[in-house]
Protein backbone atom coordinates (compact mmCIF):
# COMPACT_ATOMS: atom_id res chain seq x y z
CA MET A 1 -66.13 -21.58 2.88
CA ARG A 2 -64.73 -22.66 -0.48
CA PHE A 3 -66.30 -22.19 -3.90
CA ASP A 4 -65.15 -24.18 -6.92
CA LEU A 5 -65.47 -22.37 -10.25
CA GLY A 6 -64.37 -24.80 -12.91
CA GLU A 7 -60.58 -24.65 -12.89
CA LEU A 8 -60.55 -22.06 -10.11
CA SER A 9 -61.30 -22.13 -6.40
CA LEU A 10 -62.21 -19.25 -4.12
CA GLN A 11 -61.96 -19.01 -0.33
CA ARG A 12 -62.65 -16.28 2.22
CA VAL A 13 -60.06 -15.32 4.83
CA VAL A 14 -61.90 -13.37 7.52
CA GLU A 15 -60.13 -10.97 9.87
CA GLN A 16 -63.10 -9.46 11.68
CA GLU A 17 -66.92 -9.53 11.60
CA ILE A 18 -68.64 -7.28 14.12
CA PRO A 19 -71.10 -4.37 14.36
CA PHE A 20 -69.14 -1.27 13.32
CA PHE A 21 -71.04 1.90 12.38
CA ASP A 22 -74.31 3.72 12.96
CA PRO A 23 -76.26 3.27 9.70
CA LEU A 24 -77.44 6.89 9.56
CA THR A 25 -73.83 8.06 9.81
CA PHE A 26 -72.40 5.42 7.50
CA PHE A 27 -75.05 6.27 4.88
CA PRO A 28 -75.50 10.05 5.20
CA HIS A 29 -78.60 10.18 2.98
CA LEU A 30 -80.38 7.27 4.64
CA THR A 31 -83.46 8.40 6.56
CA ALA A 32 -84.67 6.91 9.83
CA ASP A 33 -87.98 6.02 8.15
CA ARG A 34 -86.28 4.11 5.34
CA LEU A 35 -84.08 2.29 7.83
CA GLU A 36 -87.15 1.21 9.81
CA GLU A 37 -88.85 0.10 6.61
CA ASN A 38 -86.00 -2.31 5.94
CA ARG A 39 -85.03 -3.31 9.46
CA SER A 40 -86.94 -6.60 9.43
CA TRP A 41 -84.83 -8.14 6.67
CA LEU A 42 -81.55 -6.46 7.59
CA GLU A 43 -81.60 -7.88 11.11
CA PRO A 44 -79.82 -9.79 12.52
CA LEU A 45 -77.09 -10.44 9.93
CA ALA A 46 -76.56 -7.04 8.33
CA LEU A 47 -77.86 -4.88 11.19
CA ASP A 48 -77.22 -5.81 14.80
CA PRO A 49 -80.53 -5.75 16.72
CA VAL A 50 -78.82 -5.02 20.05
CA THR A 51 -76.53 -2.13 19.15
CA GLY A 52 -78.32 -0.95 16.01
CA LEU A 53 -74.98 -0.85 14.20
CA ILE A 54 -74.19 -2.10 10.70
CA VAL A 55 -72.45 -5.47 10.72
CA LEU A 56 -69.46 -5.58 8.38
CA CYS A 57 -67.07 -8.38 7.52
CA ILE A 58 -63.40 -7.49 6.99
CA GLN A 59 -61.91 -10.17 4.77
CA SER A 60 -59.68 -11.21 1.90
CA TYR A 61 -60.44 -13.62 -0.92
CA VAL A 62 -57.94 -16.26 -1.94
CA VAL A 63 -58.19 -17.35 -5.58
CA ARG A 64 -56.36 -20.44 -6.79
CA THR A 65 -55.93 -20.67 -10.56
CA PRO A 66 -53.95 -23.20 -12.62
CA HIS A 67 -51.19 -20.59 -12.73
CA HIS A 68 -51.22 -18.59 -9.49
CA THR A 69 -52.52 -18.15 -5.97
CA ILE A 70 -53.95 -14.66 -5.58
CA LEU A 71 -54.98 -12.71 -2.48
CA ILE A 72 -57.58 -10.01 -3.14
CA ASP A 73 -57.46 -7.21 -0.54
CA SER A 74 -55.45 -7.52 2.64
CA CYS A 75 -57.69 -6.18 5.41
CA VAL A 76 -56.46 -4.14 8.40
CA GLY A 77 -53.27 -5.79 9.64
CA ASN A 78 -51.45 -5.74 12.95
CA HIS A 79 -49.44 -3.07 14.77
CA LYS A 80 -50.80 -0.26 12.60
CA ASP A 81 -51.36 3.21 14.10
CA ARG A 82 -55.07 3.85 13.45
CA THR A 83 -56.03 6.28 16.20
CA SER A 84 -59.13 7.47 14.34
CA ARG A 85 -60.48 3.91 14.28
CA PRO A 86 -60.08 2.44 17.79
CA PHE A 87 -61.32 -0.98 16.66
CA TRP A 88 -58.35 -1.14 14.21
CA HIS A 89 -55.70 0.67 16.26
CA MET A 90 -52.51 -1.23 17.09
CA ARG A 91 -54.12 -4.61 16.65
CA ASP A 92 -52.15 -7.65 17.77
CA ASP A 93 -54.52 -10.39 16.72
CA PRO A 94 -53.63 -13.84 15.34
CA THR A 95 -57.03 -14.34 13.68
CA TYR A 96 -56.06 -13.40 10.13
CA MET A 97 -52.94 -15.51 9.94
CA ARG A 98 -54.72 -18.37 11.65
CA ASN A 99 -57.49 -18.24 9.06
CA LEU A 100 -54.95 -18.04 6.23
CA ALA A 101 -53.38 -21.22 7.60
CA ALA A 102 -56.83 -22.81 7.87
CA ALA A 103 -57.16 -22.19 4.12
CA GLY A 104 -54.01 -24.29 3.68
CA LEU A 105 -51.69 -21.37 2.95
CA THR A 106 -48.59 -19.65 4.23
CA VAL A 107 -47.39 -16.18 3.31
CA ASP A 108 -44.92 -17.79 0.90
CA ASP A 109 -47.75 -19.32 -1.16
CA ILE A 110 -49.20 -16.03 -2.43
CA ASP A 111 -48.12 -15.01 -5.94
CA PHE A 112 -50.18 -11.81 -6.27
CA VAL A 113 -51.83 -9.44 -3.82
CA MET A 114 -54.49 -7.35 -5.56
CA CYS A 115 -55.70 -4.23 -3.75
CA THR A 116 -59.06 -3.15 -5.16
CA HIS A 117 -58.33 0.29 -3.71
CA LEU A 118 -56.04 1.82 -1.10
CA HIS A 119 -58.28 2.37 1.92
CA VAL A 120 -57.16 1.33 5.37
CA ASP A 121 -59.09 -1.97 5.54
CA HIS A 122 -57.86 -3.22 2.16
CA VAL A 123 -54.09 -2.80 2.44
CA GLY A 124 -53.18 -3.55 6.06
CA TRP A 125 -51.65 -6.99 5.71
CA ASN A 126 -49.59 -5.83 2.74
CA THR A 127 -46.85 -5.31 5.30
CA ARG A 128 -45.71 -6.55 8.69
CA LEU A 129 -43.45 -4.99 11.28
CA ASP A 130 -39.93 -6.44 11.32
CA ASN A 131 -37.39 -4.85 13.70
CA GLY A 132 -39.08 -1.48 13.41
CA HIS A 133 -39.43 -1.60 9.62
CA TRP A 134 -42.45 -2.33 7.43
CA VAL A 135 -41.66 -5.22 5.10
CA PRO A 136 -43.88 -7.14 2.63
CA THR A 137 -45.94 -9.74 4.46
CA PHE A 138 -46.06 -11.93 1.36
CA PRO A 139 -42.39 -11.97 0.33
CA LYS A 140 -42.79 -13.73 -3.02
CA ALA A 141 -45.85 -11.82 -4.17
CA ARG A 142 -46.27 -9.03 -6.68
CA TYR A 143 -48.65 -6.39 -5.35
CA VAL A 144 -51.12 -5.06 -7.92
CA PHE A 145 -52.17 -1.41 -7.60
CA ALA A 146 -54.28 0.62 -10.03
CA GLU A 147 -52.21 3.39 -11.59
CA ARG A 148 -54.50 6.38 -11.04
CA GLU A 149 -55.47 5.13 -7.57
CA LEU A 150 -51.84 4.99 -6.49
CA ALA A 151 -51.05 8.36 -8.06
CA TYR A 152 -53.98 10.04 -6.27
CA TRP A 153 -53.16 8.72 -2.80
CA THR A 154 -49.43 9.31 -3.26
CA ALA A 155 -50.16 12.96 -4.02
CA GLU A 156 -52.52 13.24 -1.05
CA ASN A 157 -49.93 11.62 1.20
CA ALA A 158 -47.33 14.17 0.06
CA LYS A 159 -49.61 16.95 1.37
CA GLU A 160 -50.18 15.23 4.72
CA PRO A 161 -49.07 11.72 5.70
CA ILE A 162 -51.79 9.07 5.44
CA GLY A 163 -51.22 6.11 7.74
CA PRO A 164 -52.13 3.29 5.33
CA MET A 165 -49.98 4.80 2.61
CA VAL A 166 -47.00 5.26 4.93
CA ASP A 167 -47.04 1.81 6.50
CA SER A 168 -48.83 -0.45 3.99
CA VAL A 169 -48.39 0.89 0.44
CA LEU A 170 -45.22 2.94 0.08
CA PRO A 171 -43.05 0.23 1.68
CA ILE A 172 -44.22 -2.11 -1.10
CA ILE A 173 -43.12 0.44 -3.69
CA ALA A 174 -39.79 0.86 -1.93
CA ALA A 175 -39.28 -2.91 -1.88
CA GLN A 176 -39.91 -2.98 -5.65
CA ARG A 177 -42.73 -5.51 -5.25
CA ALA A 178 -45.46 -3.43 -6.93
CA ASP A 179 -47.08 -3.94 -10.33
CA VAL A 180 -48.79 -0.64 -11.20
CA VAL A 181 -51.41 -1.34 -13.85
CA LYS A 182 -54.47 0.08 -15.57
CA SER A 183 -57.71 -0.76 -13.79
CA ASP A 184 -58.81 -2.91 -16.75
CA HIS A 185 -55.63 -5.01 -16.58
CA VAL A 186 -55.89 -8.65 -17.69
CA LEU A 187 -53.69 -11.00 -15.68
CA ASN A 188 -54.54 -14.14 -17.66
CA GLU A 189 -57.48 -16.03 -19.14
CA PHE A 190 -58.99 -16.48 -15.66
CA VAL A 191 -58.43 -13.11 -13.97
CA ARG A 192 -59.08 -9.56 -15.13
CA LEU A 193 -59.64 -6.25 -13.42
CA MET A 194 -62.84 -4.23 -13.95
CA PRO A 195 -62.83 -0.44 -13.52
CA THR A 196 -65.48 0.43 -10.92
CA PRO A 197 -64.70 4.02 -9.88
CA GLY A 198 -66.61 6.16 -7.42
CA HIS A 199 -65.78 4.85 -3.97
CA THR A 200 -62.20 5.84 -4.80
CA PRO A 201 -60.77 7.44 -7.96
CA ASP A 202 -59.56 4.23 -9.64
CA HIS A 203 -61.26 1.42 -7.71
CA PHE A 204 -61.44 -1.94 -9.45
CA ALA A 205 -63.36 -5.18 -9.04
CA VAL A 206 -61.86 -8.53 -10.02
CA ALA A 207 -63.63 -10.79 -12.53
CA LEU A 208 -62.79 -14.49 -12.25
CA GLY A 209 -63.37 -17.56 -14.40
CA ARG A 210 -64.43 -18.27 -17.94
CA GLY A 211 -68.10 -17.31 -17.60
CA GLY A 212 -71.49 -18.80 -16.81
CA LYS A 213 -71.76 -20.82 -13.61
CA ASP A 214 -67.96 -20.91 -13.38
CA ALA A 215 -67.64 -17.13 -13.03
CA ALA A 216 -67.36 -14.83 -10.04
CA VAL A 217 -66.66 -11.18 -9.33
CA VAL A 218 -64.96 -9.86 -6.20
CA THR A 219 -66.58 -6.46 -5.72
CA GLY A 220 -64.24 -4.60 -3.44
CA ASP A 221 -66.04 -1.55 -2.03
CA LEU A 222 -68.30 -0.65 -4.92
CA ILE A 223 -70.99 -1.84 -2.48
CA HIS A 224 -70.84 -2.16 1.31
CA SER A 225 -74.22 -3.43 2.49
CA PRO A 226 -77.23 -5.36 1.13
CA LEU A 227 -79.16 -2.12 1.72
CA GLN A 228 -77.23 -0.57 -1.19
CA ALA A 229 -78.42 -3.37 -3.46
CA ARG A 230 -81.99 -2.47 -2.54
CA TYR A 231 -81.19 1.23 -3.10
CA PRO A 232 -78.18 1.51 -5.47
CA GLU A 233 -78.14 5.32 -5.23
CA LEU A 234 -77.44 5.13 -1.49
CA SER A 235 -73.86 6.31 -1.02
CA MET A 236 -71.65 5.71 1.99
CA ARG A 237 -69.73 8.34 3.90
CA ALA A 238 -66.25 7.72 2.45
CA ASP A 239 -67.19 7.70 -1.25
CA PHE A 240 -64.79 9.86 -3.25
CA ASP A 241 -67.43 10.64 -5.89
CA PRO A 242 -70.87 9.59 -4.60
CA GLU A 243 -72.64 10.28 -7.89
CA GLN A 244 -70.17 8.24 -9.90
CA GLY A 245 -70.28 5.51 -7.24
CA SER A 246 -74.05 5.28 -7.57
CA VAL A 247 -73.83 4.97 -11.36
CA THR A 248 -71.13 2.30 -11.03
CA ARG A 249 -73.15 0.35 -8.46
CA ARG A 250 -76.39 0.32 -10.46
CA LYS A 251 -74.59 -0.61 -13.68
CA PHE A 252 -72.77 -3.43 -11.88
CA LEU A 253 -75.93 -4.83 -10.27
CA GLU A 254 -77.86 -4.56 -13.53
CA SER A 255 -75.10 -6.43 -15.36
CA TYR A 256 -75.14 -9.39 -12.97
CA CYS A 257 -78.83 -9.45 -12.05
CA ASP A 258 -80.41 -12.90 -12.59
CA THR A 259 -77.16 -14.43 -13.85
CA ASP A 260 -75.15 -17.39 -12.57
CA THR A 261 -72.14 -15.22 -11.71
CA LEU A 262 -71.18 -15.49 -8.05
CA ILE A 263 -70.91 -12.06 -6.44
CA CYS A 264 -68.27 -11.98 -3.70
CA THR A 265 -68.62 -8.87 -1.58
CA ALA A 266 -65.96 -7.33 0.60
CA HIS A 267 -68.07 -6.39 3.60
CA PHE A 268 -71.47 -8.09 3.54
CA PRO A 269 -72.06 -10.34 6.55
CA SER A 270 -71.21 -14.02 6.18
CA PRO A 271 -71.42 -15.88 3.89
CA SER A 272 -70.75 -12.64 1.88
CA CYS A 273 -71.14 -14.44 -1.48
CA GLY A 274 -74.34 -14.89 -3.45
CA HIS A 275 -76.36 -13.78 -6.44
CA VAL A 276 -78.21 -10.63 -7.49
CA LYS A 277 -81.96 -10.70 -8.14
CA ARG A 278 -84.41 -8.00 -9.18
CA TRP A 279 -86.35 -6.19 -6.42
CA ASP A 280 -88.71 -3.49 -7.76
CA ASP A 281 -86.45 -0.67 -8.96
CA GLY A 282 -83.51 -2.10 -7.02
CA PHE A 283 -81.94 -5.44 -6.37
CA ARG A 284 -81.85 -8.18 -3.78
CA PHE A 285 -78.65 -9.92 -2.73
CA VAL A 286 -79.38 -13.61 -2.17
CA PRO A 287 -76.61 -15.22 -0.07
CA MET A 288 -75.33 -18.71 -0.77
CA ASP A 289 -76.69 -21.40 1.52
């Protein structure tokens, strides 16, 4: 699926889209009654009616501007030791690279890789295994990391090794391919970062285009499910600061409610992109046709 935004274009590169997590575990403050109240509209796309699990899409966004080709988030990757997540452990799957090729791209075509944050499913394809060493997958790209985000996870990794840092982030630093920036960094007239903290300490979203109907925002993980649009204060299990995340989410949804800006989510089920509308005290995510 490709979206044209004036002088820009936007495409999804999907790695995986399956039922993943029990909703009452994924959202610790979600009650069984509230889940049942919303089941009819969540199923079958966002909630699998057979397993009862939340359906998530693991994907990147490719942005083509007049100046650069940008990859936003790099999914899970192959050959990574992820024992705590069996569905991501030691993957050897051609799907991601096949879908990148279907978008008309090779690894040499990417100028920037922007990681909205440094969780496992957003950094994996930063690197690939080459003769026992982790090397940048996109050899010509600069990798954009938020300064405080990188500092936090580097410090945590020094206490106890964190797999995604060891195999997908620190090798980029060692290869001198990283651009460490503030989370409000402006790349050019078409691309700027937006601080959206809460899910992680220095999470950012990426604002694209010149505005109006030719604008989009790639959300990263400030929101994971359409259920969080309906209830913006609903936090997910891995939020670093749930209260701050809730404030960020509501402010974001309020800002883009009933506007023409295309909202491009990281994990909503396909088509993942759409617009935000008012729904009582919350919001409704309306997917593109």
